Every structure is written in C-alpha cells, then in structure tokens.
Amino acid sequence: MIWLPYPDFTKSVSCLNTQHLNRQRANCQVLSKSFISPNRWNHVPTFKAWKNYYEVFQYYHDVCVKEWVKRGFRTIAVLYEAPKPDKRDLPWFIGEEQYHASHRSNLLRLDPTYAGIEGWREPSNLPYLWPNMNNYQFEEIETGIDLYIRRGWSLEGRKQKAGRKGGKDEKRIEPLKNLYNKVSTKPIL
C-alpha cells in the first residue's frame, strides 16, 4: 500500500505516523527491486499501479527516506535522487479526490488519534481504492479486519478456516496470508 492522502508526496508522507512511514519505506524498497527484476511482487496491485511510473515512484521512495531521516531515524536505504516529477508525468490517479479521500479515511480508521490531528473530515469506513490500470477506474477493497481483503472473498469462510487451526479468534486472522500467492508484507530491514 502506498499511502497518498494528498496529491503532494511530501505532504502525504509527513502526515504518516512512524509505523506507517516505516512500512512505506520498506515497501518502496521491495517494490523498487520488483521494477528491476521480476519477482513475486509483480502481480500485487501496488506494483501494477506504479509499473509505468518508475521514476515517479523513485521520487516517492526518496521522499519517504528523507522524512524517515528527518525524524531522527537511521537507514541504509539508497536514495535515487529522482527529480520531482512534473504534473504531466504523474500517474492518472494522483489528484483524483476520491482516491486521496479513501487513503485519509483508512488512515483515520487505523490510527484515529494520530491521523485526527490532520483535521480530515472523511468517515473512517470508506473502502480502499486501487487504481485499475486496465480501464482507468478504481477498484474497491473492503476494510474488513485488515487491508487487502478483496470484494468477493468470504470473510466468514476465513473465520471458519482459522477456527479449525487451533481456535484462533477473529483478531488473529491474517487476511494477507495465502493472498497474492503468499506475498510477505514484512519489512525487509
């Protein structure tokens, strides 16, 4: 997930809490490697949305790393020193208000105290919107227990399956497991 509550990358990254910023930094590193050599991330919606905008994505990566260092953290991440993209070079979904509103809404849902400082007025239950690069429309992803639960997946079926494996409660279901061919979302650092 690439968080963009605003069309401006610097403003978007600066409003993330430390946990989300760290994940952004790590996800950017993994996705950057995917652009260079094919791997299991090449079918993830985030990769598909950015694959034709590699230099713009490198700029976003640099913004994340610079914000991380600005907050006093160390990193071994490489800076691409990508130039700030012109408006015409941005992906079509940057600037689409419904896209940015869905990101603000879900940041509010995930951390209402921290994200609430921004004064956003979106309800905290909007679905995630992924850009569908085939038809230039958005695809909704429900906010369920965690992100990446695609519309049409049976949440009840996942609960039952988790219950058979030792009675884990609903909070411990990992919806990312077995989704996208077992792609790991753990940071690489």
C-alpha atoms as a PDB file:
ATOM      1  CA  MET A   1       0.000   0.000   0.000  1.00  0.00           C
ATOM      2  CA  ILE A   2       1.359   3.367  -0.987  1.00  0.00           C
ATOM      3  CA  TRP A   3      -0.281   5.971   1.228  1.00  0.00           C
ATOM      4  CA  LEU A   4      -1.260   9.139  -0.593  1.00  0.00           C
ATOM      5  CA  PRO A   5      -3.777  11.112   1.463  1.00  0.00           C
ATOM      6  CA  TYR A   6      -2.791  14.155  -0.609  1.00  0.00           C
ATOM      7  CA  PRO A   7      -1.680  14.619  -4.229  1.00  0.00           C
ATOM      8  CA  ASP A   8       1.570  16.083  -2.869  1.00  0.00           C
ATOM      9  CA  PHE A   9       4.073  13.354  -1.937  1.00  0.00           C
ATOM     10  CA  THR A  10       5.908  15.343   0.741  1.00  0.00           C
ATOM     11  CA  LYS A  11       2.680  16.368   2.451  1.00  0.00           C
ATOM     12  CA  SER A  12       1.385  12.773   2.252  1.00  0.00           C
ATOM     13  CA  VAL A  13       4.498  11.270   3.808  1.00  0.00           C
ATOM     14  CA  SER A  14       4.833  13.922   6.520  1.00  0.00           C
ATOM     15  CA  CYS A  15       1.366  13.133   7.911  1.00  0.00           C
ATOM     16  CA  LEU A  16       2.086   9.398   8.399  1.00  0.00           C
ATOM     17  CA  ASN A  17       2.798   8.069  11.858  1.00  0.00           C
ATOM     18  CA  THR A  18       6.171   6.400  12.413  1.00  0.00           C
ATOM     19  CA  GLN A  19       4.808   2.882  11.918  1.00  0.00           C
ATOM     20  CA  HIS A  20       3.177   3.690   8.573  1.00  0.00           C
ATOM     21  CA  LEU A  21       6.203   5.677   7.411  1.00  0.00           C
ATOM     22  CA  ASN A  22       8.490   2.738   8.214  1.00  0.00           C
ATOM     23  CA  ARG A  23       6.233   0.406   6.228  1.00  0.00           C
ATOM     24  CA  GLN A  24       6.192   2.851   3.312  1.00  0.00           C
ATOM     25  CA  ARG A  25       9.962   2.982   3.288  1.00  0.00           C
ATOM     26  CA  ALA A  26      10.250  -0.812   3.374  1.00  0.00           C
ATOM     27  CA  ASN A  27       7.516  -1.378   0.766  1.00  0.00           C
ATOM     28  CA  CYS A  28       9.153   1.143  -1.548  1.00  0.00           C
ATOM     29  CA  GLN A  29      12.445  -0.743  -1.322  1.00  0.00           C
ATOM     30  CA  VAL A  30      10.782  -4.064  -2.125  1.00  0.00           C
ATOM     31  CA  LEU A  31       8.758  -2.632  -5.000  1.00  0.00           C
ATOM     32  CA  SER A  32      11.795  -0.833  -6.409  1.00  0.00           C
ATOM     33  CA  LYS A  33      13.545  -4.187  -6.701  1.00  0.00           C
ATOM     34  CA  SER A  34      10.459  -5.566  -8.455  1.00  0.00           C
ATOM     35  CA  PHE A  35      10.726  -2.916 -11.156  1.00  0.00           C
ATOM     36  CA  ILE A  36      14.263  -4.054 -11.949  1.00  0.00           C
ATOM     37  CA  SER A  37      13.892  -7.831 -11.780  1.00  0.00           C
ATOM     38  CA  PRO A  38      10.639  -9.814 -11.816  1.00  0.00           C
ATOM     39  CA  ASN A  39       9.647 -11.387  -8.513  1.00  0.00           C
ATOM     40  CA  ARG A  40       6.552 -12.353  -6.579  1.00  0.00           C
ATOM     41  CA  TRP A  41       5.515  -8.728  -6.063  1.00  0.00           C
ATOM     42  CA  ASN A  42       4.919  -8.143  -9.777  1.00  0.00           C
ATOM     43  CA  HIS A  43       1.249  -9.145  -9.543  1.00  0.00           C
ATOM     44  CA  VAL A  44       0.412  -7.024  -6.462  1.00  0.00           C
ATOM     45  CA  PRO A  45      -1.956  -4.116  -7.258  1.00  0.00           C
ATOM     46  CA  THR A  46       0.535  -1.539  -5.983  1.00  0.00           C
ATOM     47  CA  PHE A  47       3.179  -2.756  -8.432  1.00  0.00           C
ATOM     48  CA  LYS A  48       0.697  -2.758 -11.299  1.00  0.00           C
ATOM     49  CA  ALA A  49      -0.382   0.801 -10.489  1.00  0.00           C
ATOM     50  CA  TRP A  50       3.180   2.147 -10.484  1.00  0.00           C
ATOM     51  CA  LYS A  51       4.983  -0.030 -13.048  1.00  0.00           C
ATOM     52  CA  ASN A  52       4.787   2.582 -15.804  1.00  0.00           C
ATOM     53  CA  TYR A  53       5.845   5.358 -13.440  1.00  0.00           C
ATOM     54  CA  TYR A  54       9.140   4.063 -12.104  1.00  0.00           C
ATOM     55  CA  GLU A  55      10.892   7.450 -11.878  1.00  0.00           C
ATOM     56  CA  VAL A  56       7.890   8.971 -10.100  1.00  0.00           C
ATOM     57  CA  PHE A  57       7.899   6.025  -7.715  1.00  0.00           C
ATOM     58  CA  GLN A  58      11.627   6.534  -7.079  1.00  0.00           C
ATOM     59  CA  TYR A  59      10.861  10.130  -6.139  1.00  0.00           C
ATOM     60  CA  TYR A  60       8.184   8.938  -3.688  1.00  0.00           C
ATOM     61  CA  HIS A  61      10.717   6.479  -2.239  1.00  0.00           C
ATOM     62  CA  ASP A  62      13.232   9.304  -1.766  1.00  0.00           C
ATOM     63  CA  VAL A  63      10.600  11.442  -0.030  1.00  0.00           C
ATOM     64  CA  CYS A  64       9.876   8.564   2.388  1.00  0.00           C
ATOM     65  CA  VAL A  65      13.546   8.006   3.184  1.00  0.00           C
ATOM     66  CA  LYS A  66      14.211  11.728   3.681  1.00  0.00           C
ATOM     67  CA  GLU A  67      11.222  12.028   6.041  1.00  0.00           C
ATOM     68  CA  TRP A  68      12.471   8.978   7.968  1.00  0.00           C
ATOM     69  CA  VAL A  69      15.904  10.563   8.441  1.00  0.00           C
ATOM     70  CA  LYS A  70      14.330  13.951   9.256  1.00  0.00           C
ATOM     71  CA  ARG A  71      12.526  12.255  12.168  1.00  0.00           C
ATOM     72  CA  GLY A  72      15.870  11.133  13.553  1.00  0.00           C
ATOM     73  CA  PHE A  73      15.983   7.520  12.362  1.00  0.00           C
ATOM     74  CA  ARG A  74      18.892   5.868  10.595  1.00  0.00           C
ATOM     75  CA  THR A  75      18.609   3.969   7.354  1.00  0.00           C
ATOM     76  CA  ILE A  76      20.722   2.051   4.883  1.00  0.00           C
ATOM     77  CA  ALA A  77      18.286   2.762   2.052  1.00  0.00           C
ATOM     78  CA  VAL A  78      19.684   4.057  -1.209  1.00  0.00           C
ATOM     79  CA  LEU A  79      18.459   7.444  -2.372  1.00  0.00           C
ATOM     80  CA  TYR A  80      17.699   7.514  -6.076  1.00  0.00           C
ATOM     81  CA  GLU A  81      17.933  11.306  -6.193  1.00  0.00           C
ATOM     82  CA  ALA A  82      14.999  11.229  -8.577  1.00  0.00           C
ATOM     83  CA  PRO A  83      13.852  14.658  -9.769  1.00  0.00           C
ATOM     84  CA  LYS A  84      10.490  15.993  -8.656  1.00  0.00           C
ATOM     85  CA  PRO A  85       8.054  14.908 -11.369  1.00  0.00           C
ATOM     86  CA  ASP A  86       6.052  17.348 -13.451  1.00  0.00           C
ATOM     87  CA  LYS A  87       2.298  17.129 -13.122  1.00  0.00           C
ATOM     88  CA  ARG A  88       2.034  15.586 -16.580  1.00  0.00           C
ATOM     89  CA  ASP A  89       4.387  12.743 -15.545  1.00  0.00           C
ATOM     90  CA  LEU A  90       2.252  11.638 -12.586  1.00  0.00           C
ATOM     91  CA  PRO A  91       0.002   8.567 -12.703  1.00  0.00           C
ATOM     92  CA  TRP A  92      -3.593   9.341 -13.670  1.00  0.00           C
ATOM     93  CA  PHE A  93      -4.895   8.622 -10.160  1.00  0.00           C
ATOM     94  CA  ILE A  94      -2.780  11.294  -8.440  1.00  0.00           C
ATOM     95  CA  GLY A  95      -5.115  14.225  -7.901  1.00  0.00           C
ATOM     96  CA  GLU A  96      -8.306  12.138  -8.046  1.00  0.00           C
ATOM     97  CA  GLU A  97     -10.052  13.281  -4.870  1.00  0.00           C
ATOM     98  CA  GLN A  98     -11.914  10.011  -4.245  1.00  0.00           C
ATOM     99  CA  TYR A  99      -8.583   8.156  -4.261  1.00  0.00           C
ATOM    100  CA  HIS A 100      -6.964  10.501  -1.738  1.00  0.00           C
ATOM    101  CA  ALA A 101     -10.140  10.576   0.389  1.00  0.00           C
ATOM    102  CA  SER A 102     -10.069   6.770   0.651  1.00  0.00           C
ATOM    103  CA  HIS A 103      -6.495   6.941   1.947  1.00  0.00           C
ATOM    104  CA  ARG A 104      -7.378   9.638   4.503  1.00  0.00           C
ATOM    105  CA  SER A 105     -10.379   7.606   5.642  1.00  0.00           C
ATOM    106  CA  ASN A 106      -8.348   4.453   6.166  1.00  0.00           C
ATOM    107  CA  LEU A 107      -5.537   6.269   7.947  1.00  0.00           C
ATOM    108  CA  LEU A 108      -8.212   7.646  10.286  1.00  0.00           C
ATOM    109  CA  ARG A 109      -9.517   4.132  10.835  1.00  0.00           C
ATOM    110  CA  LEU A 110      -6.064   2.692  11.524  1.00  0.00           C
ATOM    111  CA  ASP A 111      -4.873   5.463  13.857  1.00  0.00           C
ATOM    112  CA  PRO A 112      -7.646   7.955  14.716  1.00  0.00           C
ATOM    113  CA  THR A 113      -5.553   9.820  17.291  1.00  0.00           C
ATOM    114  CA  TYR A 114      -2.555  10.498  15.082  1.00  0.00           C
ATOM    115  CA  ALA A 115      -4.405  10.982  11.795  1.00  0.00           C
ATOM    116  CA  GLY A 116      -7.092  13.024  13.542  1.00  0.00           C
ATOM    117  CA  ILE A 117      -4.535  15.794  14.040  1.00  0.00           C
ATOM    118  CA  GLU A 118      -4.791  16.500  10.312  1.00  0.00           C
ATOM    119  CA  GLY A 119      -8.438  17.532  10.657  1.00  0.00           C
ATOM    120  CA  TRP A 120      -9.710  15.294   7.883  1.00  0.00           C
ATOM    121  CA  ARG A 121     -13.496  15.103   7.582  1.00  0.00           C
ATOM    122  CA  GLU A 122     -13.849  11.770   5.789  1.00  0.00           C
ATOM    123  CA  PRO A 123     -15.689   8.984   7.593  1.00  0.00           C
ATOM    124  CA  SER A 124     -13.350   6.230   8.785  1.00  0.00           C
ATOM    125  CA  ASN A 125     -15.145   3.470   6.873  1.00  0.00           C
ATOM    126  CA  LEU A 126     -14.519   4.235   3.195  1.00  0.00           C
ATOM    127  CA  PRO A 127     -13.099   1.322   1.190  1.00  0.00           C
ATOM    128  CA  TYR A 128      -9.558   1.420  -0.123  1.00  0.00           C
ATOM    129  CA  LEU A 129      -9.463   2.400  -3.770  1.00  0.00           C
ATOM    130  CA  TRP A 130      -6.876   0.773  -6.018  1.00  0.00           C
ATOM    131  CA  PRO A 131      -6.225   2.185  -9.466  1.00  0.00           C
ATOM    132  CA  ASN A 132      -7.111  -0.359 -12.131  1.00  0.00           C
ATOM    133  CA  MET A 133      -4.615   0.322 -14.877  1.00  0.00           C
ATOM    134  CA  ASN A 134      -6.597  -1.625 -17.489  1.00  0.00           C
ATOM    135  CA  ASN A 135      -9.654   0.610 -17.527  1.00  0.00           C
ATOM    136  CA  TYR A 136      -8.528   3.714 -15.617  1.00  0.00           C
ATOM    137  CA  GLN A 137     -11.120   3.233 -12.920  1.00  0.00           C
ATOM    138  CA  PHE A 138     -10.884   2.420  -9.237  1.00  0.00           C
ATOM    139  CA  GLU A 139     -11.416  -0.956  -7.637  1.00  0.00           C
ATOM    140  CA  GLU A 140     -12.770  -1.068  -4.097  1.00  0.00           C
ATOM    141  CA  ILE A 141     -11.113  -3.150  -1.445  1.00  0.00           C
ATOM    142  CA  GLU A 142     -13.047  -3.610   1.772  1.00  0.00           C
ATOM    143  CA  THR A 143     -11.632  -2.542   5.105  1.00  0.00           C
ATOM    144  CA  GLY A 144     -12.659  -5.757   6.972  1.00  0.00           C
ATOM    145  CA  ILE A 145     -10.225  -6.995   9.599  1.00  0.00           C
ATOM    146  CA  ASP A 146      -7.235  -5.690   7.716  1.00  0.00           C
ATOM    147  CA  LEU A 147      -6.448  -4.319   4.297  1.00  0.00           C
ATOM    148  CA  TYR A 148      -6.177  -6.291   1.070  1.00  0.00           C
ATOM    149  CA  ILE A 149      -9.407  -8.255   1.572  1.00  0.00           C
ATOM    150  CA  ARG A 150     -10.826  -8.142  -1.913  1.00  0.00           C
ATOM    151  CA  ARG A 151     -14.542  -7.759  -2.515  1.00  0.00           C
ATOM    152  CA  GLY A 152     -15.968 -11.213  -3.070  1.00  0.00           C
ATOM    153  CA  TRP A 153     -13.693 -13.042  -0.640  1.00  0.00           C
ATOM    154  CA  SER A 154     -15.688 -14.715   2.092  1.00  0.00           C
ATOM    155  CA  LEU A 155     -14.689 -13.317   5.453  1.00  0.00           C
ATOM    156  CA  GLU A 156     -16.888 -15.916   7.152  1.00  0.00           C
ATOM    157  CA  GLY A 157     -15.002 -18.685   5.357  1.00  0.00           C
ATOM    158  CA  ARG A 158     -11.710 -17.254   6.594  1.00  0.00           C
ATOM    159  CA  LYS A 159     -13.020 -17.171  10.173  1.00  0.00           C
ATOM    160  CA  GLN A 160     -14.098 -20.806   9.949  1.00  0.00           C
ATOM    161  CA  LYS A 161     -10.775 -21.859   8.492  1.00  0.00           C
ATOM    162  CA  ALA A 162      -8.889 -20.033  11.270  1.00  0.00           C
ATOM    163  CA  GLY A 163     -11.138 -21.685  13.859  1.00  0.00           C
ATOM    164  CA  ARG A 164     -10.155 -25.153  12.609  1.00  0.00           C
ATOM    165  CA  LYS A 165      -6.481 -24.399  13.033  1.00  0.00           C
ATOM    166  CA  GLY A 166      -6.461 -24.111  16.802  1.00  0.00           C
ATOM    167  CA  GLY A 167      -9.386 -21.831  17.615  1.00  0.00           C
ATOM    168  CA  LYS A 168      -7.722 -18.513  16.853  1.00  0.00           C
ATOM    169  CA  ASP A 169     -10.054 -15.621  17.466  1.00  0.00           C
ATOM    170  CA  GLU A 170     -11.175 -13.156  14.822  1.00  0.00           C
ATOM    171  CA  LYS A 171      -8.499 -10.598  15.714  1.00  0.00           C
ATOM    172  CA  ARG A 172      -5.696 -13.040  14.934  1.00  0.00           C
ATOM    173  CA  ILE A 173      -6.852 -13.951  11.440  1.00  0.00           C
ATOM    174  CA  GLU A 174      -4.218 -12.888   8.970  1.00  0.00           C
ATOM    175  CA  PRO A 175      -6.080 -11.911   5.802  1.00  0.00           C
ATOM    176  CA  LEU A 176      -2.819 -11.308   3.974  1.00  0.00           C
ATOM    177  CA  LYS A 177      -1.818 -14.948   4.354  1.00  0.00           C
ATOM    178  CA  ASN A 178      -2.480 -17.012   1.239  1.00  0.00           C
ATOM    179  CA  LEU A 179      -3.461 -13.867  -0.643  1.00  0.00           C
ATOM    180  CA  TYR A 180      -1.401 -12.776  -3.637  1.00  0.00           C
ATOM    181  CA  ASN A 181       0.410 -16.137  -3.641  1.00  0.00           C
ATOM    182  CA  LYS A 182       1.704 -15.767  -0.089  1.00  0.00           C
ATOM    183  CA  VAL A 183       3.404 -12.405  -0.588  1.00  0.00           C
ATOM    184  CA  SER A 184       5.077 -11.298   2.623  1.00  0.00           C
ATOM    185  CA  THR A 185       4.392  -7.748   3.771  1.00  0.00           C
ATOM    186  CA  LYS A 186       7.076  -7.763   6.459  1.00  0.00           C
ATOM    187  CA  PRO A 187       9.706  -5.046   6.104  1.00  0.00           C
ATOM    188  CA  ILE A 188      12.956  -6.212   4.571  1.00  0.00           C
ATOM    189  CA  LEU A 189      15.150  -4.270   7.005  1.00  0.00           C
END
